[in-house]
Amino acid sequence: MPENFADAPFRTIIEPFRIHSVEPLRMTSAAERRKHLRDASYNLFQLRAEHVLIDLLTDSGTGAMSRDQWAAIQRGDESYAGSPSWFVFVDAVRELFPYEHVIPVHQGRAAERILFSALGGPGKVVPSNTHFDTTRANVEATGARAVDLVIAEGHDPVSEHPFKGNVDLDALEALLAEHAGDVPCVMVTITNNSGGGQPVSLENLRGVRKICDAYGKPLFLDACRFAENAWFIREREAGQGDRDVADIVREIASLADGMTMSAKKDPMGNIGGWLAMNDHELAQTCRTQLILTEGFPTYGGLAGRDLEALAQGLKEVVQHDYLRYRIRSTAYLGDALHERGIPVLRPIGGHAVYLDARRLAPHLEPLQYPGQSVAVALYEVGGIRSCEIGSVMFGRQPDGSEAPAAMELVRLAIPRRTYTQSHMDYVIEVCERVATEAASLPGYRITSEPPALRHFTADFAPIA
């Protein structure tokens, strides 16, 4: 047998785990699903979870925890202050993100609210590659303006640029040259969720850091998919292919002054998050807000068992076998749809596949919400719940007017360690069937909506 014969890779994507326990899925008929849609006013967020067969609404808090995470939960100490579980948690965070101040919160949007209550305000401008929905809402809730400065390729669904989440450095410098006094910080989202789960390169982060230093501005990371971003850097960026993912994560952290984190994503938790920084004065202000609204600084709205589970999850998420499986299995779905002529955002991102609803249903105008139409059809046809990332989510402007979003996408977010390859094969079949009838899909109108984050609770009706 040749020396390297046994080392040749196989085509099959094998999960680097065994299934220890299972939960049942409930099958529904198309007639039942049509009724459920009417009852939910055609808003997939308002469906009951037991009426969903494959739930790809979000990868946030929906993953399966490991045996060792469940064991860690049993070690959770529920002391109000100074719990041993707090020290396990903070040590695990600082192993990857060595910031001086770590402030635990119940989930990422709480970190955003606390940070921007301290840094935001009327007249302020917060630039980013692309703010996600809750980040934008928390910036704008203070009266500040959220500005997206992703590179041009980040708005092109068919571009194969390897780092479409990169910040447009020229645009960032131009904004700071004009509005430096109004900018309290610069944000970079890794990976860039609203732009298709696309990564940011180390080279680009270094460029952002250089500009921030030139203007004396702190750089914060929205880092909830940090491990997936680091894996893409290892796979795609010159000179990074032999590095350990944990080392890449530490370099990413070293380029920023702080971070917000939804630990419901890459840290493998069902709940939790944190805000971290080196600025002592800012941290004091944020801790005061934490105590008012979340809890004591050593638990921050979480139970000790949650802290223990997150600490273990941070160890598991940077394992190369896991990340290789995670990225390849997402690509399996995206590449299969692409090969079948179904328009998807390219290249495939880390946590989700994004259908390009603008190309899939070109007969619908942006403010007829083609993404919502495609998402509703996926549920009606196959019981798949997905999420519109387009003019429903981002079309409403701060002044109340409507404008088309940069892209009309439908996100198929894949929960971590939850679905098998046969589940993804089923998703492929459902997408194929919807694509064959895409030209007949109706547009939708909004019949009622809240003043902010409308996609969560708005009511819809099909346009006859």
Protein backbone atom coordinates (compact mmCIF):
# COMPACT_ATOMS: atom_id res chain seq x y z
CA MET A 1 0.00 0.00 0.00
CA PRO A 2 1.48 3.41 -0.95
CA GLU A 3 2.62 5.52 2.01
CA ASN A 4 -0.02 8.26 1.55
CA PHE A 5 -2.81 5.96 0.39
CA ALA A 6 -4.68 5.98 3.72
CA ASP A 7 -4.38 9.76 4.09
CA ALA A 8 -6.39 10.63 0.98
CA PRO A 9 -9.60 12.53 1.91
CA PHE A 10 -13.06 11.10 1.30
CA ARG A 11 -15.95 12.95 -0.36
CA THR A 12 -18.46 12.04 2.36
CA ILE A 13 -18.93 14.66 5.06
CA ILE A 14 -18.93 12.76 8.34
CA GLU A 15 -20.23 14.35 11.53
CA PRO A 16 -17.43 14.36 14.15
CA PHE A 17 -19.84 13.10 16.83
CA ARG A 18 -22.37 10.38 17.57
CA ILE A 19 -26.02 11.05 18.40
CA HIS A 20 -26.63 10.50 22.13
CA SER A 21 -30.31 11.45 22.38
CA VAL A 22 -33.00 12.45 19.91
CA GLU A 23 -36.19 14.49 19.87
CA PRO A 24 -39.12 13.76 17.55
CA LEU A 25 -40.13 15.87 14.56
CA ARG A 26 -43.83 16.20 13.74
CA MET A 27 -44.89 15.77 10.14
CA THR A 28 -47.65 18.05 8.82
CA SER A 29 -49.72 18.17 5.65
CA ALA A 30 -49.70 21.06 3.19
CA ALA A 31 -53.28 21.89 4.22
CA GLU A 32 -52.24 22.09 7.86
CA ARG A 33 -49.28 24.29 6.99
CA ARG A 34 -51.47 26.68 5.00
CA LYS A 35 -53.71 27.06 8.05
CA HIS A 36 -50.71 27.62 10.32
CA LEU A 37 -49.49 30.35 7.96
CA ARG A 38 -52.84 32.12 8.06
CA ASP A 39 -52.97 31.85 11.85
CA ALA A 40 -49.45 33.34 12.02
CA SER A 41 -50.35 36.19 9.63
CA TYR A 42 -47.71 34.82 7.25
CA ASN A 43 -44.91 35.72 9.67
CA LEU A 44 -42.70 32.67 10.21
CA PHE A 45 -41.51 34.01 13.57
CA GLN A 46 -45.10 33.60 14.77
CA LEU A 47 -45.38 29.90 13.91
CA ARG A 48 -45.44 27.38 16.73
CA ALA A 49 -42.18 25.43 16.70
CA GLU A 50 -43.94 22.07 16.80
CA HIS A 51 -45.53 22.94 13.46
CA VAL A 52 -42.08 23.24 11.83
CA LEU A 53 -40.31 20.22 10.34
CA ILE A 54 -36.84 21.64 9.60
CA ASP A 55 -36.19 24.85 11.53
CA LEU A 56 -33.62 27.04 9.75
CA LEU A 57 -34.99 30.32 11.10
CA THR A 58 -31.76 30.97 13.00
CA ASP A 59 -28.60 29.31 14.28
CA SER A 60 -28.87 31.39 17.46
CA GLY A 61 -29.38 29.25 20.55
CA THR A 62 -30.81 26.38 18.51
CA GLY A 63 -27.81 24.05 18.42
CA ALA A 64 -27.31 20.78 20.27
CA MET A 65 -25.07 20.88 23.32
CA SER A 66 -22.46 18.18 23.78
CA ARG A 67 -22.17 15.48 26.43
CA ASP A 68 -19.44 17.50 28.11
CA GLN A 69 -21.57 20.66 28.11
CA TRP A 70 -24.42 18.81 29.79
CA ALA A 71 -21.95 17.46 32.33
CA ALA A 72 -20.70 21.02 32.91
CA ILE A 73 -24.26 22.11 33.65
CA GLN A 74 -24.25 19.73 36.62
CA ARG A 75 -21.22 21.59 38.01
CA GLY A 76 -23.00 24.95 37.86
CA ASP A 77 -22.81 26.91 41.10
CA GLU A 78 -25.72 29.30 41.65
CA SER A 79 -24.15 31.63 44.20
CA TYR A 80 -25.36 35.19 43.63
CA ALA A 81 -21.88 36.75 43.71
CA GLY A 82 -18.46 35.30 43.01
CA SER A 83 -19.65 31.87 41.90
CA PRO A 84 -16.90 29.38 40.95
CA SER A 85 -18.75 29.01 37.64
CA TRP A 86 -18.05 32.69 36.90
CA PHE A 87 -14.30 32.13 37.15
CA VAL A 88 -14.48 29.07 34.90
CA PHE A 89 -16.41 31.15 32.37
CA VAL A 90 -14.22 34.26 32.44
CA ASP A 91 -11.03 32.18 32.15
CA ALA A 92 -12.45 30.43 29.07
CA VAL A 93 -13.38 33.77 27.47
CA ARG A 94 -9.95 35.28 28.16
CA GLU A 95 -8.20 32.22 26.75
CA LEU A 96 -9.45 33.39 23.34
CA PHE A 97 -10.32 37.07 23.95
CA PRO A 98 -7.85 38.44 26.54
CA TYR A 99 -9.72 41.63 27.41
CA GLU A 100 -9.42 43.04 30.91
CA HIS A 101 -13.14 43.50 31.52
CA VAL A 102 -15.67 40.74 30.73
CA ILE A 103 -19.31 41.59 31.41
CA PRO A 104 -21.77 38.67 31.09
CA VAL A 105 -25.26 39.25 29.67
CA HIS A 106 -28.24 37.07 28.85
CA GLN A 107 -27.68 37.39 25.08
CA GLY A 108 -25.95 39.52 22.47
CA ARG A 109 -28.53 42.27 22.08
CA ALA A 110 -28.17 43.07 25.79
CA ALA A 111 -24.46 43.67 25.19
CA GLU A 112 -25.34 45.95 22.29
CA ARG A 113 -27.90 47.88 24.33
CA ILE A 114 -25.47 48.42 27.21
CA LEU A 115 -22.59 49.42 24.93
CA PHE A 116 -24.57 51.92 22.87
CA SER A 117 -26.38 53.36 25.87
CA ALA A 118 -22.87 54.39 26.93
CA LEU A 119 -21.44 55.37 23.52
CA GLY A 120 -24.45 56.36 21.41
CA GLY A 121 -26.74 59.37 21.38
CA PRO A 122 -28.20 61.93 18.98
CA GLY A 123 -25.73 63.03 16.32
CA LYS A 124 -23.42 60.06 16.80
CA VAL A 125 -22.40 57.91 13.82
CA VAL A 126 -21.41 54.24 14.17
CA PRO A 127 -19.78 52.71 11.07
CA SER A 128 -19.54 48.97 10.46
CA ASN A 129 -19.14 46.55 7.58
CA THR A 130 -22.85 45.70 8.04
CA HIS A 131 -24.83 46.12 11.23
CA PHE A 132 -27.17 43.23 11.92
CA ASP A 133 -30.79 43.92 12.86
CA THR A 134 -30.51 44.17 16.64
CA THR A 135 -27.21 46.05 16.45
CA ARG A 136 -28.71 48.63 14.12
CA ALA A 137 -31.82 48.92 16.29
CA ASN A 138 -29.79 49.45 19.46
CA VAL A 139 -27.65 52.10 17.77
CA GLU A 140 -30.68 53.91 16.38
CA ALA A 141 -32.62 53.65 19.66
CA THR A 142 -30.10 56.09 21.16
CA GLY A 143 -30.62 58.57 18.33
CA ALA A 144 -27.33 57.63 16.65
CA ARG A 145 -26.95 56.65 13.00
CA ALA A 146 -25.75 53.19 11.92
CA VAL A 147 -23.71 53.28 8.68
CA ASP A 148 -22.78 50.21 6.60
CA LEU A 149 -19.44 50.32 4.76
CA VAL A 150 -18.98 46.83 3.36
CA ILE A 151 -16.89 46.46 0.18
CA ALA A 152 -18.72 46.62 -3.17
CA GLU A 153 -18.39 42.85 -3.65
CA GLY A 154 -20.41 42.43 -0.45
CA HIS A 155 -23.50 43.67 -2.32
CA ASP A 156 -22.94 41.37 -5.31
CA PRO A 157 -24.57 37.96 -4.72
CA VAL A 158 -22.61 36.27 -7.51
CA SER A 159 -19.13 37.60 -6.69
CA GLU A 160 -16.73 34.86 -5.54
CA HIS A 161 -14.58 37.28 -3.50
CA PRO A 162 -13.24 35.19 -0.57
CA PHE A 163 -13.78 37.94 2.05
CA LYS A 164 -16.99 39.71 1.10
CA GLY A 165 -17.46 40.83 4.69
CA ASN A 166 -14.49 43.20 4.49
CA VAL A 167 -14.86 46.85 5.41
CA ASP A 168 -14.39 49.37 2.58
CA LEU A 169 -11.29 51.02 4.03
CA ASP A 170 -11.44 54.07 1.75
CA ALA A 171 -15.06 54.68 2.72
CA LEU A 172 -14.23 54.28 6.42
CA GLU A 173 -11.39 56.77 6.20
CA ALA A 174 -13.57 59.22 4.29
CA LEU A 175 -16.32 58.96 6.89
CA LEU A 176 -13.88 59.52 9.75
CA ALA A 177 -12.26 62.44 7.95
CA GLU A 178 -15.66 64.13 7.77
CA HIS A 179 -17.32 62.97 10.99
CA ALA A 180 -14.50 61.97 13.35
CA GLY A 181 -15.95 63.98 16.21
CA ASP A 182 -19.27 62.16 15.91
CA VAL A 183 -17.92 58.60 15.80
CA PRO A 184 -17.71 56.94 19.24
CA CYS A 185 -16.41 53.62 17.89
CA VAL A 186 -16.09 51.47 14.78
CA MET A 187 -17.83 48.05 14.65
CA VAL A 188 -16.89 45.03 12.54
CA THR A 189 -19.23 42.03 12.35
CA ILE A 190 -17.54 38.62 11.97
CA THR A 191 -18.82 36.85 10.03
CA ASN A 192 -20.97 39.42 8.23
CA ASN A 193 -24.44 37.95 8.82
CA SER A 194 -26.56 40.42 6.85
CA GLY A 195 -24.18 40.09 3.91
CA GLY A 196 -24.50 36.33 3.65
CA GLY A 197 -22.36 35.01 6.52
CA GLN A 198 -19.26 36.26 4.72
CA PRO A 199 -15.90 36.46 6.52
CA VAL A 200 -13.54 39.36 7.16
CA SER A 201 -9.82 38.88 6.46
CA LEU A 202 -7.00 39.52 8.91
CA GLU A 203 -5.51 41.92 6.38
CA ASN A 204 -8.73 43.94 6.36
CA LEU A 205 -8.97 43.96 10.16
CA ARG A 206 -5.41 45.25 10.33
CA GLY A 207 -6.39 48.00 7.90
CA VAL A 208 -9.40 48.96 10.03
CA ARG A 209 -7.16 48.98 13.11
CA LYS A 210 -4.69 51.31 11.40
CA ILE A 211 -7.43 53.77 10.45
CA CYS A 212 -8.95 53.64 13.95
CA ASP A 213 -5.52 54.40 15.43
CA ALA A 214 -5.03 57.33 13.07
CA TYR A 215 -8.28 58.90 14.27
CA GLY A 216 -8.10 57.74 17.89
CA LYS A 217 -11.24 55.58 17.68
CA PRO A 218 -11.86 52.29 19.51
CA LEU A 219 -12.66 49.22 17.44
CA PHE A 220 -15.31 46.78 18.64
CA LEU A 221 -16.11 43.37 17.19
CA ASP A 222 -19.57 41.88 16.87
CA ALA A 223 -17.85 38.51 17.22
CA CYS A 224 -20.62 35.93 17.57
CA ARG A 225 -19.33 33.78 14.68
CA PHE A 226 -15.65 34.30 15.40
CA ALA A 227 -14.60 30.65 15.01
CA GLU A 228 -16.19 30.30 11.59
CA ASN A 229 -14.50 33.54 10.51
CA ALA A 230 -11.15 32.27 11.79
CA TRP A 231 -11.60 29.00 9.88
CA PHE A 232 -12.23 30.92 6.65
CA ILE A 233 -9.06 32.94 7.32
CA ARG A 234 -7.14 29.69 7.76
CA GLU A 235 -8.60 28.24 4.56
CA ARG A 236 -8.57 31.31 2.30
CA GLU A 237 -6.00 33.88 3.41
CA ALA A 238 -2.40 33.64 2.23
CA GLY A 239 0.03 32.59 4.93
CA GLN A 240 -2.63 31.38 7.39
CA GLY A 241 -3.09 27.75 6.34
CA ASP A 242 -0.84 26.16 8.98
CA ARG A 243 -2.10 28.13 11.96
CA ASP A 244 -4.25 26.88 14.79
CA VAL A 245 -7.71 28.43 14.78
CA ALA A 246 -7.42 29.47 18.42
CA ASP A 247 -4.27 31.46 17.58
CA ILE A 248 -6.08 33.21 14.72
CA VAL A 249 -8.93 34.08 17.10
CA ARG A 250 -6.46 35.59 19.56
CA GLU A 251 -4.93 37.71 16.80
CA ILE A 252 -8.39 38.89 15.75
CA ALA A 253 -9.06 39.86 19.38
CA SER A 254 -5.74 41.69 19.63
CA LEU A 255 -6.74 44.00 16.77
CA ALA A 256 -9.82 45.27 18.63
CA ASP A 257 -10.46 47.19 21.84
CA GLY A 258 -13.54 45.22 22.79
CA MET A 259 -16.38 43.03 21.62
CA THR A 260 -20.04 42.16 21.88
CA MET A 261 -20.95 38.48 21.84
CA SER A 262 -24.06 36.45 21.41
CA ALA A 263 -22.93 33.18 22.95
CA LYS A 264 -25.91 31.49 21.30
CA LYS A 265 -23.85 31.18 18.11
CA ASP A 266 -20.24 29.95 18.02
CA PRO A 267 -19.86 29.52 21.81
CA MET A 268 -22.40 26.69 21.48
CA GLY A 269 -24.86 27.93 24.08
CA ASN A 270 -28.65 27.98 24.16
CA ILE A 271 -28.50 31.33 25.96
CA GLY A 272 -25.90 33.89 27.01
CA GLY A 273 -23.43 36.47 25.82
CA TRP A 274 -20.95 39.04 26.99
CA LEU A 275 -19.51 42.50 26.49
CA ALA A 276 -15.73 42.83 26.84
CA MET A 277 -13.26 45.71 26.64
CA ASN A 278 -10.02 47.13 27.98
CA ASP A 279 -11.31 50.65 28.76
CA HIS A 280 -11.71 50.80 32.55
CA GLU A 281 -13.94 53.87 32.63
CA LEU A 282 -16.26 52.57 29.93
CA ALA A 283 -16.44 49.21 31.71
CA GLN A 284 -17.54 50.92 34.94
CA THR A 285 -20.35 52.69 33.08
CA CYS A 286 -21.43 49.45 31.41
CA ARG A 287 -21.39 47.48 34.67
CA THR A 288 -23.72 50.04 36.21
CA GLN A 289 -26.15 49.45 33.34
CA LEU A 290 -25.67 45.70 33.77
CA ILE A 291 -26.68 45.79 37.42
CA LEU A 292 -29.73 47.90 36.61
CA THR A 293 -31.08 45.62 33.89
CA GLU A 294 -29.30 42.25 33.77
CA GLY A 295 -27.85 41.21 37.12
CA PHE A 296 -24.73 41.14 39.26
CA PRO A 297 -21.41 41.43 37.34
CA THR A 298 -20.47 37.79 37.99
CA TYR A 299 -23.61 36.32 36.44
CA GLY A 300 -25.24 39.06 34.36
CA GLY A 301 -28.62 37.47 33.73
CA LEU A 302 -27.29 33.91 33.45
CA ALA A 303 -27.37 30.92 35.76
CA GLY A 304 -24.10 29.39 36.91
CA ARG A 305 -24.91 26.30 34.86
CA ASP A 306 -25.14 28.49 31.72
CA LEU A 307 -21.70 29.93 32.44
CA GLU A 308 -20.24 26.43 32.77
CA ALA A 309 -21.83 25.23 29.52
CA LEU A 310 -20.48 28.26 27.63
CA ALA A 311 -16.99 27.73 29.00
CA GLN A 312 -17.00 24.18 27.63
CA GLY A 313 -18.51 25.33 24.34
CA LEU A 314 -15.64 27.78 23.82
CA LYS A 315 -13.22 24.86 23.98
CA GLU A 316 -15.22 22.76 21.51
CA VAL A 317 -15.89 25.43 18.87
CA VAL A 318 -12.22 25.97 17.96
CA GLN A 319 -11.57 22.27 17.35
CA HIS A 320 -10.52 21.78 13.74
CA ASP A 321 -12.54 18.58 13.20
CA TYR A 322 -15.70 20.39 14.23
CA LEU A 323 -15.05 23.48 12.10
CA ARG A 324 -14.11 21.43 9.06
CA TYR A 325 -17.42 19.56 9.36
CA ARG A 326 -19.39 22.74 10.06
CA ILE A 327 -18.16 24.68 7.04
CA ARG A 328 -18.22 21.71 4.65
CA SER A 329 -21.74 20.66 5.64
CA THR A 330 -23.05 24.20 5.06
CA ALA A 331 -21.29 24.25 1.69
CA TYR A 332 -22.86 20.87 0.87
CA LEU A 333 -26.30 22.46 0.95
CA GLY A 334 -25.29 25.66 -0.83
CA ASP A 335 -23.29 23.95 -3.57
CA ALA A 336 -26.12 21.49 -4.25
CA LEU A 337 -28.59 24.32 -4.74
CA HIS A 338 -26.14 26.23 -6.95
CA GLU A 339 -25.56 23.15 -9.11
CA ARG A 340 -29.32 22.83 -9.60
CA GLY A 341 -29.59 26.39 -10.88
CA ILE A 342 -31.19 27.79 -7.74
CA PRO A 343 -29.72 31.26 -7.15
CA VAL A 344 -27.75 31.48 -3.90
CA LEU A 345 -25.32 34.04 -2.56
CA ARG A 346 -21.76 32.99 -3.39
CA PRO A 347 -19.42 31.90 -1.97
CA ILE A 348 -21.32 29.93 0.64
CA GLY A 349 -21.04 31.42 4.12
CA GLY A 350 -20.26 29.71 7.38
CA HIS A 351 -23.52 29.40 9.29
CA ALA A 352 -26.15 29.66 6.56
CA VAL A 353 -27.05 29.41 2.91
CA TYR A 354 -28.74 32.51 1.48
CA LEU A 355 -31.21 32.15 -1.37
CA ASP A 356 -31.20 35.14 -3.71
CA ALA A 357 -34.92 35.94 -3.79
CA ARG A 358 -34.42 38.85 -6.18
CA ARG A 359 -33.18 36.44 -8.86
CA LEU A 360 -35.50 33.60 -7.85
CA ALA A 361 -38.64 35.74 -8.07
CA PRO A 362 -37.75 38.65 -10.38
CA HIS A 363 -41.42 39.41 -11.07
CA LEU A 364 -41.79 40.80 -7.54
CA GLU A 365 -40.74 44.34 -6.71
CA PRO A 366 -38.54 44.79 -3.61
CA LEU A 367 -41.38 46.32 -1.60
CA GLN A 368 -43.55 43.36 -2.50
CA TYR A 369 -41.03 41.50 -0.33
CA PRO A 370 -39.79 38.67 -2.54
CA GLY A 371 -37.76 37.21 0.32
CA GLN A 372 -40.85 36.92 2.46
CA SER A 373 -42.68 35.29 -0.44
CA VAL A 374 -39.98 32.67 -0.94
CA ALA A 375 -39.74 31.99 2.79
CA VAL A 376 -43.50 31.46 3.08
CA ALA A 377 -43.39 29.09 0.10
CA LEU A 378 -40.61 27.00 1.65
CA TYR A 379 -42.78 26.46 4.70
CA GLU A 380 -45.96 25.77 2.77
CA VAL A 381 -44.28 23.25 0.47
CA GLY A 382 -42.01 21.46 2.91
CA GLY A 383 -42.40 22.70 6.48
CA ILE A 384 -39.05 24.50 6.39
CA ARG A 385 -38.82 27.69 8.43
CA SER A 386 -36.31 30.26 7.17
CA CYS A 387 -35.71 33.99 7.63
CA GLU A 388 -36.10 36.92 5.24
CA ILE A 389 -33.01 39.15 5.11
CA GLY A 390 -34.14 41.91 2.80
CA SER A 391 -36.59 44.78 2.57
CA VAL A 392 -38.78 43.50 5.39
CA MET A 393 -35.83 43.47 7.78
CA PHE A 394 -33.95 46.50 6.45
CA GLY A 395 -36.32 48.44 4.21
CA ARG A 396 -37.79 50.69 6.88
CA GLN A 397 -35.67 53.83 7.34
CA PRO A 398 -35.18 55.77 10.60
CA ASP A 399 -37.53 58.51 9.33
CA GLY A 400 -40.29 55.94 8.70
CA SER A 401 -39.93 55.85 4.91
CA GLU A 402 -39.39 52.69 2.86
CA ALA A 403 -36.43 51.88 0.63
CA PRO A 404 -35.35 48.59 -0.96
CA ALA A 405 -32.62 46.70 0.86
CA ALA A 406 -29.28 46.14 -0.86
CA MET A 407 -30.16 42.47 -1.40
CA GLU A 408 -33.31 40.36 -1.11
CA LEU A 409 -32.21 37.18 0.62
CA VAL A 410 -33.71 34.20 2.40
CA ARG A 411 -31.42 32.79 5.07
CA LEU A 412 -31.32 29.06 5.69
CA ALA A 413 -29.45 29.17 9.00
CA ILE A 414 -28.14 25.79 10.08
CA PRO A 415 -28.19 25.04 13.83
CA ARG A 416 -24.96 23.55 15.11
CA ARG A 417 -24.79 19.74 15.47
CA THR A 418 -28.56 19.43 15.03
CA TYR A 419 -29.49 18.16 11.56
CA THR A 420 -28.01 15.34 9.50
CA GLN A 421 -27.08 15.18 5.84
CA SER A 422 -30.42 13.53 5.01
CA HIS A 423 -32.21 16.55 6.49
CA MET A 424 -30.17 18.75 4.14
CA ASP A 425 -31.05 16.50 1.20
CA TYR A 426 -34.71 17.07 2.04
CA VAL A 427 -34.13 20.85 2.16
CA ILE A 428 -32.57 20.63 -1.31
CA GLU A 429 -35.67 18.84 -2.65
CA VAL A 430 -38.04 21.43 -1.14
CA CYS A 431 -36.01 24.31 -2.59
CA GLU A 432 -36.07 22.65 -6.01
CA ARG A 433 -39.84 22.32 -5.87
CA VAL A 434 -40.33 25.93 -4.81
CA ALA A 435 -37.97 27.10 -7.57
CA THR A 436 -40.06 25.38 -10.24
CA GLU A 437 -43.08 27.50 -9.24
CA ALA A 438 -41.24 30.69 -8.27
CA ALA A 439 -42.75 32.68 -11.14
CA SER A 440 -46.21 32.21 -9.61
CA LEU A 441 -45.33 33.29 -6.07
CA PRO A 442 -47.40 36.24 -4.79
CA GLY A 443 -46.00 39.38 -3.29
CA TYR A 444 -46.81 40.36 0.29
CA ARG A 445 -47.86 43.53 2.04
CA ILE A 446 -47.49 44.46 5.69
CA THR A 447 -50.84 44.90 7.44
CA SER A 448 -49.46 45.89 10.86
CA GLU A 449 -45.99 46.50 12.24
CA PRO A 450 -44.18 47.79 15.35
CA PRO A 451 -41.96 50.89 15.19
CA ALA A 452 -38.70 48.88 15.30
CA LEU A 453 -37.47 45.37 14.43
CA ARG A 454 -40.71 44.81 12.57
CA HIS A 455 -39.74 41.47 11.04
CA PHE A 456 -40.20 39.73 14.39
CA THR A 457 -43.86 40.63 14.92
CA ALA A 458 -45.30 42.25 11.77
CA ASP A 459 -48.44 40.82 10.18
CA PHE A 460 -48.51 40.12 6.43
CA ALA A 461 -51.09 39.35 3.77
CA PRO A 462 -50.52 38.06 0.23
CA ILE A 463 -51.15 40.49 -2.59
CA ALA A 464 -53.91 39.12 -4.78
